[in-house]
Protein backbone atom coordinates (compact mmCIF):
# COMPACT_ATOMS: atom_id res chain seq x y z
CA MET A 1 72.52 122.94 98.71
CA LYS A 2 73.28 125.80 101.07
CA HIS A 3 70.52 128.26 101.89
CA LEU A 4 71.94 131.78 102.39
CA TYR A 5 70.81 134.83 104.28
CA LYS A 6 72.22 138.29 103.36
CA ILE A 7 73.07 140.36 106.40
CA GLY A 8 74.14 143.99 106.13
CA PHE A 9 75.39 146.17 108.92
CA CYS A 10 77.70 149.16 109.64
CA LEU A 11 80.33 149.27 112.35
CA ALA A 12 80.16 152.46 114.36
CA SER A 13 83.42 154.16 115.30
CA VAL A 14 84.38 154.24 118.87
CA PHE A 15 84.88 157.92 118.31
CA LEU A 16 81.72 159.96 118.09
CA THR A 17 83.21 162.36 115.60
CA THR A 18 84.03 159.59 113.12
CA ALA A 19 81.46 158.03 110.79
CA CYS A 20 81.83 155.16 108.40
CA ASP A 21 80.39 154.65 105.00
CA TYR A 22 77.66 151.96 104.88
CA GLU A 23 78.97 148.90 103.07
CA PRO A 24 76.69 145.82 103.06
CA LEU A 25 78.57 142.62 103.70
CA GLU A 26 77.36 139.12 102.81
CA PHE A 27 77.63 136.24 105.22
CA GLU A 28 76.58 132.68 104.49
CA ALA A 29 74.29 131.10 107.16
CA GLU A 30 72.94 127.59 106.84
CA LYS A 31 69.30 126.99 107.68
CA PRO A 32 68.76 124.45 110.46
CA PRO A 33 68.17 120.98 109.00
CA SER A 34 64.73 120.84 110.60
CA ILE A 35 63.65 123.94 108.70
CA VAL A 36 65.04 122.61 105.45
CA LEU A 37 63.21 119.33 105.95
CA GLN A 38 59.93 121.06 106.76
CA GLU A 39 60.23 123.27 103.67
CA GLU A 40 60.73 120.19 101.55
CA ILE A 41 57.66 118.50 103.09
CA ASP A 42 55.56 121.65 102.68
CA ALA A 43 56.56 121.80 99.00
CA TYR A 44 54.57 118.63 98.33
CA ASP A 45 51.22 118.98 96.63
CA ASP A 46 47.91 117.81 98.11
CA LEU A 47 47.96 114.05 98.48
CA LYS A 48 45.35 113.15 95.90
CA ALA A 49 47.35 115.03 93.25
CA TYR A 50 49.82 112.14 93.22
CA ILE A 51 47.35 109.49 92.10
CA ALA A 52 47.73 108.50 88.44
CA ARG A 53 44.03 108.48 87.62
CA GLU A 54 44.43 107.07 84.14
CA ALA A 55 46.14 103.95 85.46
CA ASN A 56 43.97 103.82 88.59
CA PRO A 57 40.54 105.20 87.59
CA GLY A 58 38.65 103.75 90.56
CA PHE A 59 41.30 104.28 93.24
CA LYS A 60 40.00 105.97 96.39
CA LEU A 61 42.26 107.82 98.78
CA GLY A 62 40.36 107.89 102.04
CA ALA A 63 40.45 109.53 105.44
CA GLY A 64 39.02 108.29 108.70
CA MET A 65 37.13 111.05 110.48
CA VAL A 66 34.83 111.68 113.41
CA TRP A 67 31.56 112.89 111.94
CA THR A 68 31.07 115.66 114.48
CA ASP A 69 34.50 117.09 113.62
CA TYR A 70 33.88 116.99 109.89
CA SER A 71 30.33 118.36 110.13
CA GLN A 72 31.58 121.57 111.75
CA LYS A 73 33.09 122.49 108.36
CA GLY A 74 36.22 123.90 109.94
CA VAL A 75 39.87 123.38 109.16
CA LEU A 76 39.67 119.56 109.36
CA TYR A 77 36.81 119.59 106.88
CA ARG A 78 38.89 121.61 104.45
CA LEU A 79 42.01 119.51 105.00
CA VAL A 80 40.14 116.28 104.24
CA ASN A 81 38.39 117.68 101.19
CA ARG A 82 41.67 118.99 99.71
CA ASN A 83 43.64 115.79 100.18
CA PHE A 84 41.24 112.86 99.98
CA ASP A 85 38.60 111.35 97.69
CA GLU A 86 36.63 109.51 100.32
CA VAL A 87 35.83 109.67 104.01
CA THR A 88 34.96 106.95 106.51
CA PHE A 89 33.11 108.20 109.57
CA GLY A 90 34.24 105.82 112.32
CA ASN A 91 31.05 104.96 114.21
CA ALA A 92 28.60 107.40 112.61
CA LEU A 93 27.01 104.81 110.33
CA LYS A 94 27.07 101.92 112.77
CA HIS A 95 24.03 100.32 114.34
CA GLY A 96 24.56 102.07 117.68
CA ALA A 97 24.55 105.54 116.12
CA ILE A 98 21.66 105.04 113.70
CA VAL A 99 19.19 102.65 115.34
CA GLN A 100 17.03 104.44 117.88
CA ALA A 101 15.37 103.06 121.00
CA ASP A 102 12.28 101.97 119.06
CA GLY A 103 14.30 100.31 116.29
CA SER A 104 13.79 103.04 113.71
CA LEU A 105 16.66 104.66 111.84
CA ASN A 106 17.89 108.15 112.64
CA GLN A 107 17.07 109.67 109.27
CA ALA A 108 18.13 113.16 110.35
CA THR A 109 21.74 112.08 110.75
CA LEU A 110 21.72 110.37 107.37
CA GLU A 111 20.24 113.40 105.61
CA ASN A 112 22.74 115.74 107.25
CA LEU A 113 25.63 113.49 106.31
CA LYS A 114 24.41 113.16 102.74
CA GLU A 115 24.00 116.92 102.32
CA THR A 116 27.35 117.83 103.89
CA THR A 117 29.47 115.35 101.92
CA GLY A 118 27.50 115.98 98.75
CA LYS A 119 28.29 119.69 98.80
CA ALA A 120 31.94 118.90 99.55
CA GLY A 121 32.12 116.55 96.58
CA ILE A 122 33.61 113.73 98.61
CA SER A 123 32.39 110.13 98.64
CA VAL A 124 31.46 108.19 101.77
CA PHE A 125 32.56 104.64 102.53
CA GLY A 126 29.94 102.86 104.63
CA HIS A 127 31.30 101.39 107.83
CA THR A 128 29.81 99.02 108.90
CA LEU A 129 26.67 96.90 108.67
CA ALA A 130 27.55 93.80 110.69
CA THR A 131 30.04 93.96 113.52
CA HIS A 132 30.01 93.46 117.29
CA SER A 133 31.01 96.89 118.63
CA ASN A 134 29.09 100.17 118.75
CA GLN A 135 25.73 98.43 118.53
CA ASN A 136 22.44 99.48 120.07
CA ALA A 137 22.70 96.42 122.27
CA ALA A 138 20.04 97.64 124.69
CA TYR A 139 17.44 97.66 121.92
CA LEU A 140 18.51 94.29 120.54
CA LYS A 141 18.52 92.64 123.95
CA SER A 142 15.07 94.04 124.66
CA LEU A 143 13.76 92.11 121.66
CA ILE A 144 14.79 88.79 123.16
CA ALA A 145 14.17 89.59 126.81
CA PRO A 146 11.96 87.13 128.73
CA THR A 147 8.21 87.58 128.58
CA ILE A 148 6.97 88.66 132.00
CA ILE A 149 3.43 87.68 132.97
CA PRO A 150 2.36 89.90 135.89
CA ALA A 151 1.25 88.12 139.06
CA THR A 152 -2.52 88.01 139.44
CA GLY A 153 -4.84 86.26 141.89
CA ASN A 154 -8.37 86.43 143.25
CA GLY A 155 -7.00 87.32 146.68
CA GLY A 156 -4.37 89.76 145.52
CA THR A 157 -0.69 89.03 145.16
CA SER A 158 0.18 88.14 148.76
CA GLY A 159 -1.48 87.00 151.96
CA THR A 160 -1.86 84.34 154.65
CA ASP A 161 -3.77 81.06 154.56
CA VAL A 162 -4.91 79.21 157.70
CA VAL A 163 -3.69 75.62 157.92
CA ALA A 164 -5.29 74.93 161.32
CA ASN A 165 -6.63 76.99 164.25
CA PHE A 166 -8.68 74.16 165.85
CA GLU A 167 -11.66 76.40 166.68
CA THR A 168 -14.06 74.35 164.57
CA ASP A 169 -12.69 71.04 165.85
CA GLU A 170 -14.41 69.01 168.52
CA LEU A 171 -12.57 68.75 171.81
CA GLY A 172 -10.74 65.46 171.86
CA LYS A 173 -10.22 65.30 168.09
CA THR A 174 -6.85 63.81 167.25
CA TYR A 175 -4.42 64.51 164.44
CA ALA A 176 -2.11 61.93 162.84
CA MET A 177 1.44 61.87 164.13
CA THR A 178 4.66 60.98 162.33
CA ASN A 179 6.01 58.61 165.01
CA GLY A 180 3.35 57.66 167.52
CA GLY A 181 2.33 59.81 170.47
CA SER A 182 -0.73 62.03 170.23
CA GLY A 183 -2.00 65.33 168.91
CA THR A 184 -5.26 66.16 170.67
CA VAL A 185 -7.54 69.20 170.49
CA VAL A 186 -7.93 70.70 173.97
CA ASN A 187 -8.83 74.00 175.55
CA ASP A 188 -6.05 76.58 175.84
CA PRO A 189 -4.43 75.91 179.24
CA THR A 190 -4.20 79.67 179.77
CA GLY A 191 -7.85 80.23 178.83
CA GLU A 192 -6.82 82.86 176.29
CA SER A 193 -7.56 81.52 172.81
CA GLY A 194 -10.17 78.82 172.76
CA LYS A 195 -9.00 75.49 171.42
CA VAL A 196 -5.41 74.44 170.76
CA LEU A 197 -3.52 71.24 169.90
CA ASN A 198 -1.69 69.39 172.69
CA VAL A 199 1.26 67.42 171.30
CA LYS A 200 2.81 64.51 173.22
CA GLY A 201 5.33 61.86 172.21
CA VAL A 202 8.94 61.05 171.42
CA GLN A 203 10.30 62.73 168.30
CA SER A 204 6.85 62.76 166.74
CA HIS A 205 5.04 65.61 165.01
CA PRO A 206 1.41 66.34 164.09
CA GLN A 207 0.43 66.19 160.43
CA PHE A 208 -1.98 68.54 158.66
CA THR A 209 -3.63 68.01 155.30
CA VAL A 210 -3.53 71.16 153.18
CA THR A 211 -5.56 71.99 150.07
CA LEU A 212 -4.54 75.29 148.52
CA PRO A 213 -6.94 77.81 146.98
CA ASN A 214 -7.27 77.85 143.19
CA GLY A 215 -4.46 79.65 141.45
CA ARG A 216 -1.78 78.90 144.01
CA THR A 217 0.80 76.15 144.39
CA LEU A 218 3.19 75.27 147.17
CA GLY A 219 5.89 77.16 145.29
CA ASN A 220 4.00 80.41 145.96
CA TYR A 221 4.39 80.01 149.74
CA LEU A 222 7.25 81.60 151.65
CA SER A 223 6.84 80.50 155.27
CA LEU A 224 4.85 78.60 157.90
CA THR A 225 4.02 80.35 161.16
CA LEU A 226 2.58 78.98 164.40
CA ASP A 227 2.00 79.89 168.07
CA PHE A 228 3.89 77.79 170.61
CA TYR A 229 3.45 77.10 174.34
CA GLY A 230 5.89 74.86 176.17
CA THR A 231 8.42 74.54 178.93
CA GLY A 232 12.13 73.87 178.94
CA SER A 233 11.64 70.15 179.49
CA THR A 234 8.65 69.58 177.19
CA GLY A 235 9.79 71.02 173.83
CA LEU A 236 10.94 74.62 174.29
CA TYR A 237 14.54 73.66 173.63
CA GLY A 238 15.11 70.13 172.38
CA GLN A 239 16.62 69.63 168.94
CA GLY A 240 14.73 72.42 167.24
CA MET A 241 11.58 72.66 165.16
CA ARG A 242 11.06 70.11 162.40
CA MET A 243 9.01 70.16 159.19
CA SER A 244 8.42 67.83 156.22
CA ILE A 245 6.17 67.65 153.17
CA ASP A 246 4.24 64.49 152.22
CA GLY A 247 6.18 62.23 154.58
CA GLY A 248 9.57 63.31 153.31
CA ALA A 249 12.67 63.77 155.41
CA LEU A 250 12.25 66.09 158.38
CA VAL A 251 14.18 69.33 158.01
CA GLY A 252 15.58 71.06 161.08
CA PHE A 253 14.99 74.67 162.15
CA ASN A 254 15.77 76.74 165.27
CA SER A 255 14.32 75.75 168.62
CA PRO A 256 11.13 77.48 169.85
CA SER A 257 13.25 79.25 172.43
CA ALA A 258 15.60 80.58 169.73
CA TYR A 259 12.59 81.92 167.86
CA GLY A 260 11.64 83.88 170.98
CA SER A 261 8.97 81.70 172.62
CA PRO A 262 8.96 82.15 176.43
CA ASP A 263 9.24 79.35 178.99
CA GLY A 264 5.76 78.46 180.20
CA GLY A 265 3.87 81.00 178.07
CA TRP A 266 2.58 81.56 174.54
CA GLY A 267 4.93 82.75 171.87
CA ARG A 268 2.33 84.25 169.55
CA GLY A 269 3.56 84.35 165.94
CA LYS A 270 7.15 83.89 167.09
CA ILE A 271 7.96 80.76 165.13
CA VAL A 272 8.28 81.63 161.43
CA MET A 273 9.82 78.78 159.43
CA GLN A 274 11.07 79.70 155.94
CA LEU A 275 10.00 77.15 153.35
CA ALA A 276 13.12 77.84 151.31
CA THR A 277 14.97 75.79 153.96
CA LEU A 278 13.09 72.72 152.70
CA ASN A 279 14.77 72.94 149.28
CA LEU A 280 11.55 71.95 147.57
CA THR A 281 11.84 70.09 144.29
CA GLU A 282 10.21 71.50 141.17
CA ALA A 283 7.55 68.83 141.49
CA GLN A 284 6.84 69.79 145.10
CA LYS A 285 6.56 73.45 144.16
CA LYS A 286 3.69 72.55 141.82
CA LEU A 287 1.67 70.76 144.54
CA THR A 288 -1.82 72.08 145.29
CA SER A 289 -2.60 69.56 148.06
CA PHE A 290 -0.18 67.90 150.42
CA THR A 291 0.49 66.91 154.02
CA VAL A 292 2.74 69.02 156.20
CA ALA A 293 4.22 67.70 159.44
CA VAL A 294 5.51 70.27 161.92
CA GLY A 295 6.55 70.30 165.57
CA SER A 296 9.37 70.46 168.10
CA GLY A 297 12.07 67.78 167.98
CA THR A 298 12.12 66.52 171.56
CA GLY A 299 12.10 63.18 173.38
CA SER A 300 9.56 64.33 175.98
CA ALA A 301 7.01 66.40 174.11
CA ASN A 302 4.12 67.94 175.96
CA TYR A 303 3.51 71.32 174.36
CA TYR A 304 0.73 73.22 172.66
CA ILE A 305 0.48 74.81 169.20
CA ASP A 306 -2.14 77.08 167.71
CA ASN A 307 -2.86 79.24 164.66
CA VAL A 308 -0.82 77.33 162.07
CA THR A 309 -0.70 79.53 158.96
CA MET A 310 1.24 79.77 155.70
CA GLN A 311 2.32 83.03 154.05
CA TRP A 312 2.26 83.33 150.26
CA LYS A 313 3.28 85.75 147.56
CA LEU A 314 2.56 85.56 143.85
CA THR A 315 5.49 86.60 141.67
CA ASP A 316 5.60 87.53 138.02
CA ILE A 317 5.96 84.56 135.72
CA ILE A 318 9.13 84.86 133.64
CA VAL A 319 9.05 83.00 130.34
CA GLU A 320 12.44 82.72 128.66
CA LYS A 321 12.54 82.60 124.88
CA THR A 322 14.04 79.51 123.33
CA ALA A 323 17.26 79.63 121.31
CA GLU A 324 15.23 79.13 118.13
CA GLU A 325 12.85 81.97 119.04
CA LYS A 326 15.79 84.27 119.72
CA LYS A 327 17.38 83.33 116.41
CA THR A 328 14.19 84.18 114.52
CA ILE A 329 13.79 87.52 116.28
CA ILE A 330 17.43 88.59 115.88
CA ASN A 331 17.52 87.47 112.26
CA ASP A 332 14.51 89.64 111.54
CA ALA A 333 16.12 92.64 113.28
CA PHE A 334 19.39 91.97 111.43
CA GLN A 335 17.77 91.99 108.00
CA ARG A 336 15.60 95.02 108.79
CA TRP A 337 18.70 96.95 109.92
CA ILE A 338 20.79 96.10 106.87
CA SER A 339 18.04 96.54 104.30
CA GLY A 340 16.86 99.78 105.90
CA MET A 341 20.35 101.25 106.22
CA VAL A 342 21.50 100.34 102.72
CA THR A 343 18.28 101.64 101.20
CA ALA A 344 18.39 104.90 103.17
CA SER A 345 22.01 105.64 102.22
CA LYS A 346 22.25 104.23 98.68
CA GLY A 347 22.11 107.74 97.25
CA PHE A 348 25.50 108.66 98.72
CA VAL A 349 27.20 105.44 99.92
CA LYS A 350 28.48 103.32 97.04
CA ALA A 351 30.70 100.92 98.99
CA TRP A 352 30.18 99.16 102.32
CA ASP A 353 31.98 97.11 104.91
CA VAL A 354 29.14 94.61 105.08
CA VAL A 355 30.87 92.43 107.69
CA SER A 356 33.68 93.73 109.86
CA GLU A 357 35.95 91.89 112.31
CA PRO A 358 34.37 88.46 111.90
CA MET A 359 37.37 86.31 112.82
CA ASP A 360 38.43 85.45 116.35
CA ASP A 361 41.89 86.66 117.41
CA GLU A 362 42.62 83.62 119.57
CA LYS A 363 41.08 81.06 117.20
CA PRO A 364 41.70 82.68 113.83
CA SER A 365 39.92 80.02 111.79
CA GLU A 366 36.71 80.50 113.76
CA VAL A 367 34.11 83.25 113.90
CA ARG A 368 34.43 85.70 116.79
CA THR A 369 32.12 85.18 119.78
CA GLY A 370 31.04 87.02 122.88
CA THR A 371 30.27 83.82 124.78
CA GLY A 372 32.28 83.52 127.97
CA LYS A 373 33.43 87.14 127.83
CA THR A 374 32.51 90.26 129.72
CA VAL A 375 31.11 92.39 126.93
CA ALA A 376 30.72 96.15 126.88
CA SER A 377 27.28 97.71 127.02
CA ASP A 378 27.44 98.57 123.31
CA GLU A 379 28.60 95.15 122.14
CA PHE A 380 26.30 92.64 120.50
CA TYR A 381 27.46 89.49 118.73
CA TRP A 382 24.94 88.73 115.98
CA GLN A 383 26.75 85.47 115.23
CA ASP A 384 26.08 84.13 118.72
CA TYR A 385 22.40 84.01 117.80
CA LEU A 386 22.53 83.41 114.05
CA GLY A 387 25.60 81.19 113.74
CA LYS A 388 28.43 81.62 111.26
CA GLU A 389 25.86 82.04 108.47
CA TYR A 390 25.16 85.54 109.79
CA ALA A 391 27.64 86.85 107.22
CA VAL A 392 25.84 85.02 104.41
CA THR A 393 22.61 86.74 105.45
CA ALA A 394 24.40 90.09 105.68
CA PHE A 395 25.82 89.94 102.16
CA LYS A 396 22.61 88.62 100.62
CA THR A 397 20.53 91.31 102.29
CA ALA A 398 22.94 94.12 101.43
CA ARG A 399 23.20 92.95 97.82
CA ALA A 400 19.42 92.80 97.44
CA ASN A 401 19.02 96.42 98.59
CA ALA A 402 22.14 98.13 97.20
CA ASN A 403 22.71 99.77 93.86
CA ALA A 404 23.75 97.31 91.19
CA THR A 405 27.24 98.83 91.02
CA ASP A 406 27.84 99.14 94.76
CA LEU A 407 30.89 97.35 96.16
CA LEU A 408 30.52 95.14 99.21
CA PHE A 409 33.51 94.31 101.41
CA ILE A 410 34.45 92.07 104.26
CA ASN A 411 36.89 93.73 106.65
CA ASP A 412 39.14 92.65 109.50
CA THR A 413 42.03 93.73 111.70
CA LYS A 414 45.40 92.29 112.71
CA LEU A 415 45.69 90.30 109.49
CA GLU A 416 49.33 91.31 109.14
CA GLN A 417 50.02 90.26 112.73
CA ASN A 418 48.61 86.77 112.34
CA LEU A 419 48.72 85.26 108.85
CA ASP A 420 46.59 82.37 110.07
CA LYS A 421 43.87 84.92 110.66
CA THR A 422 44.28 86.11 107.08
CA ARG A 423 43.93 82.53 105.88
CA GLY A 424 40.96 82.00 108.20
CA LEU A 425 39.25 85.07 106.73
CA ILE A 426 39.83 83.82 103.19
CA GLU A 427 38.33 80.43 104.06
CA TYR A 428 35.35 82.16 105.66
CA MET A 429 34.86 84.15 102.46
CA LYS A 430 34.74 80.89 100.53
CA TYR A 431 32.05 79.64 102.91
CA ILE A 432 30.02 82.84 102.45
CA GLU A 433 30.16 82.67 98.67
CA ALA A 434 29.48 78.92 98.59
CA ASN A 435 26.23 79.71 100.43
CA GLY A 436 25.05 82.47 98.13
CA GLY A 437 26.75 85.63 99.38
CA LYS A 438 28.78 87.68 96.88
CA ILE A 439 31.84 89.55 98.12
CA ASP A 440 33.53 92.24 96.01
CA GLY A 441 36.52 93.02 98.16
CA ILE A 442 38.55 92.59 101.32
CA GLY A 443 39.47 95.36 103.74
CA ALA A 444 42.56 95.13 105.92
CA ARG A 445 42.94 97.58 108.78
CA LEU A 446 46.66 98.04 109.47
CA ASN A 447 47.42 99.50 112.88
CA LEU A 448 51.20 99.33 112.58
CA THR A 449 54.19 100.25 114.71
CA LEU A 450 57.72 101.18 113.73
CA THR A 451 58.74 97.55 114.16
CA SER A 452 55.82 95.81 112.46
CA ASP A 453 56.90 92.73 110.54
CA LYS A 454 57.34 93.86 106.93
CA GLN A 455 57.50 90.34 105.58
CA ASN A 456 54.14 89.61 107.20
CA ILE A 457 52.69 92.72 105.58
CA SER A 458 53.97 91.59 102.18
CA THR A 459 52.68 88.04 102.62
CA MET A 460 49.30 89.34 103.75
CA PHE A 461 48.97 91.41 100.56
CA GLN A 462 49.96 88.37 98.50
CA LEU A 463 47.31 86.20 100.15
CA LEU A 464 44.60 88.82 99.73
CA ALA A 465 45.53 89.57 96.13
CA ALA A 466 45.46 85.86 95.29
CA THR A 467 41.70 85.79 96.00
CA GLY A 468 41.08 87.93 92.93
CA LYS A 469 38.98 90.29 95.05
CA MET A 470 39.51 94.01 95.38
CA VAL A 471 41.89 94.86 98.21
CA ARG A 472 41.40 97.92 100.36
CA ILE A 473 43.63 99.18 103.15
CA SER A 474 40.68 100.15 105.30
CA GLY A 475 42.66 101.99 107.94
CA LEU A 476 46.39 102.71 107.96
CA SER A 477 48.24 104.10 110.96
CA VAL A 478 51.82 103.86 112.14
CA SER A 479 52.41 104.41 115.85
CA PRO A 480 55.84 105.47 117.12
CA GLY A 481 54.89 103.95 120.45
CA VAL A 482 55.11 107.20 122.40
CA THR A 483 52.97 110.28 122.89
CA ALA A 484 53.36 113.28 120.59
CA ASP A 485 55.46 115.25 123.08
CA LYS A 486 58.06 112.48 123.24
CA VAL A 487 58.58 111.61 119.57
CA THR A 488 62.15 111.93 118.31
CA PRO A 489 63.19 113.00 114.78
CA GLU A 490 64.50 109.50 114.22
CA GLN A 491 61.11 108.01 115.08
CA TYR A 492 59.41 110.42 112.69
CA MET A 493 61.72 109.28 109.92
CA ALA A 494 61.08 105.61 110.73
CA GLN A 495 57.35 106.36 110.62
CA LYS A 496 57.79 107.96 107.20
CA GLU A 497 59.64 104.91 105.94
CA MET A 498 56.93 102.53 107.17
CA PHE A 499 54.13 104.52 105.51
CA GLN A 500 56.02 104.48 102.23
CA TYR A 501 56.85 100.79 102.56
CA VAL A 502 53.18 99.85 102.94
CA LEU A 503 52.18 101.84 99.84
CA ASP A 504 55.10 100.46 97.82
CA GLU A 505 54.24 96.89 98.82
CA TYR A 506 50.54 97.41 98.11
CA VAL A 507 51.30 98.70 94.62
CA LYS A 508 53.86 95.99 93.94
CA THR A 509 51.70 93.10 95.16
CA VAL A 510 48.12 94.03 94.34
CA PRO A 511 47.29 94.39 90.60
CA ALA A 512 45.89 97.78 89.61
CA LYS A 513 42.45 96.38 88.80
CA GLN A 514 42.19 95.01 92.36
CA ARG A 515 43.27 98.18 94.18
CA TYR A 516 40.23 99.81 95.72
CA GLY A 517 42.29 102.30 97.70
CA VAL A 518 43.86 103.30 100.98
CA THR A 519 42.30 105.03 103.97
CA ILE A 520 44.40 106.80 106.59
CA SER A 521 42.84 105.92 109.95
CA SER A 522 43.40 109.33 111.52
CA PRO A 523 45.20 111.81 109.24
CA VAL A 524 45.76 114.30 112.06
CA ASP A 525 47.50 113.14 115.22
CA ALA A 526 45.64 112.73 118.45
CA THR A 527 47.39 111.80 121.70
CA GLU A 528 49.14 109.06 119.76
CA PRO A 529 51.04 110.58 116.82
CA SER A 530 50.14 107.95 114.23
CA GLY A 531 48.97 110.17 111.34
CA LEU A 532 50.36 112.46 108.62
CA TRP A 533 49.78 115.84 110.28
CA THR A 534 50.58 116.99 113.79
CA GLN A 535 47.86 118.20 116.11
CA GLY A 536 48.88 121.69 114.98
CA LEU A 537 48.15 120.64 111.38
CA ILE A 538 51.81 120.69 110.36
CA ARG A 539 52.79 118.10 107.80
CA LYS A 540 55.05 115.41 109.21
CA PRO A 541 57.78 113.44 107.44
CA ALA A 542 55.16 110.70 107.15
CA TYR A 543 53.28 112.97 104.74
CA SER A 544 56.13 112.95 102.25
CA GLY A 545 56.67 109.21 102.67
CA PHE A 546 53.00 108.55 101.99
CA ALA A 547 53.05 110.93 99.00
CA GLU A 548 56.06 109.13 97.56
CA GLY A 549 54.19 105.87 97.94
CA LEU A 550 51.21 107.31 96.06
CA LYS A 551 53.51 108.26 93.21
CA GLY A 552 54.07 104.57 92.64
CA LEU A 553 50.46 104.04 91.56
CA LYS A 554 51.05 103.28 87.90
């Protein structure tokens, strides 16, 4: 059909004295095809007008929305209300948005959401009770964090204990040696500090018996310090300081000289030997009495030591919870969250994704896990603590607290991309129901492209329909693969065709009594033009394709 414009004009004479009579002339001018196409799209009714309600009384046409956008009650609010029956608010009802730092539910958000959608006359699909993303992971992890027992002690939390200073010893007293030689109490050769220990021998070290004060063990001690007096030929250099516990192997340290002791003079407090170098066993760390051998490794020892001390520090005791304790704690938090959320929202949420994205993408017959992965700060994998039965608990708990007529779904993504994942999900559903959970329906989120495998989409619908459960397209989008400013008319038409194909296949494959409905993930384009309206709220060809698909609901 040609669209005509009537154009009238008068030709003026080249002579000023001549006038012409006005005679309107008609010219035919075709509208640009793009304008014709847009007029045809704009002639479509609101989307929900195309649903045959008599044949599909429970069918829900849904829109995915960001709650903050909808709650402003602007143009997006009106667009959604005019075209859709139901709205799914992305993350607004997830654990991370509702559970506060103390574990309580944000009732203000729920009341606001209930009031806003109630006045709009639109239903809310609950998404989601049990998933791994957008969780208040900080709160959940705090529940299973280690118990920390603060360090306490009669003498404070750090200090120094004297091992030996020889002042109370009789002159001439000897100390046991590790390999012969002698360790004898004598007067300080410099006359500075009373009594000291004179060590002589070949690769032999004095031994000291240590009994620790109550409340401390060897593991609380950080270092051993002593004063040293020697010369270059009598122990200042040699093979370095040596130390052992209870006759064990001698462990080497720096030489007295390297620690800063002078040749032929006292190095007061210079030698500080870190006990960590000993690599104490757990049993040794628990010792309260023991023998320590310490000295310079030299073949011609004749040096002096004094003021042998050990430095200690009490640290907080960290008690990790066992796997069974963590399971009990997380299970309790899991049930409190689900029961509390379902109860708080049962007045306006009549259908829930109870479990979402349970199956692993790489191992599609197994439950997803966070083990071995770098997880985001808002991720928490309930199943890593509760096992695969977490979904059984989720459905039982939701069922016990929901309205009798509420519908409970299991939902997953990429089912059309990997049919083994679809089969894995169906087998997991069988496991859930065999263990007492009751599932009403399956949600399939379809994030498609222009080249998505149509046969896979069809087979996926067949597999889901064969379960006898309700089937919901929980999120439908078709990406052209480019940003909005680069989309071609041909890509828009291919997008239209894909939207219509999905609806046609859904209607053809899923019996009417099993069709819960279809939700458009993001009706209005964002950076990626995968919806039905442009960012400027202009209907796209996809709108007409989707509308034609809805007409097939019979």
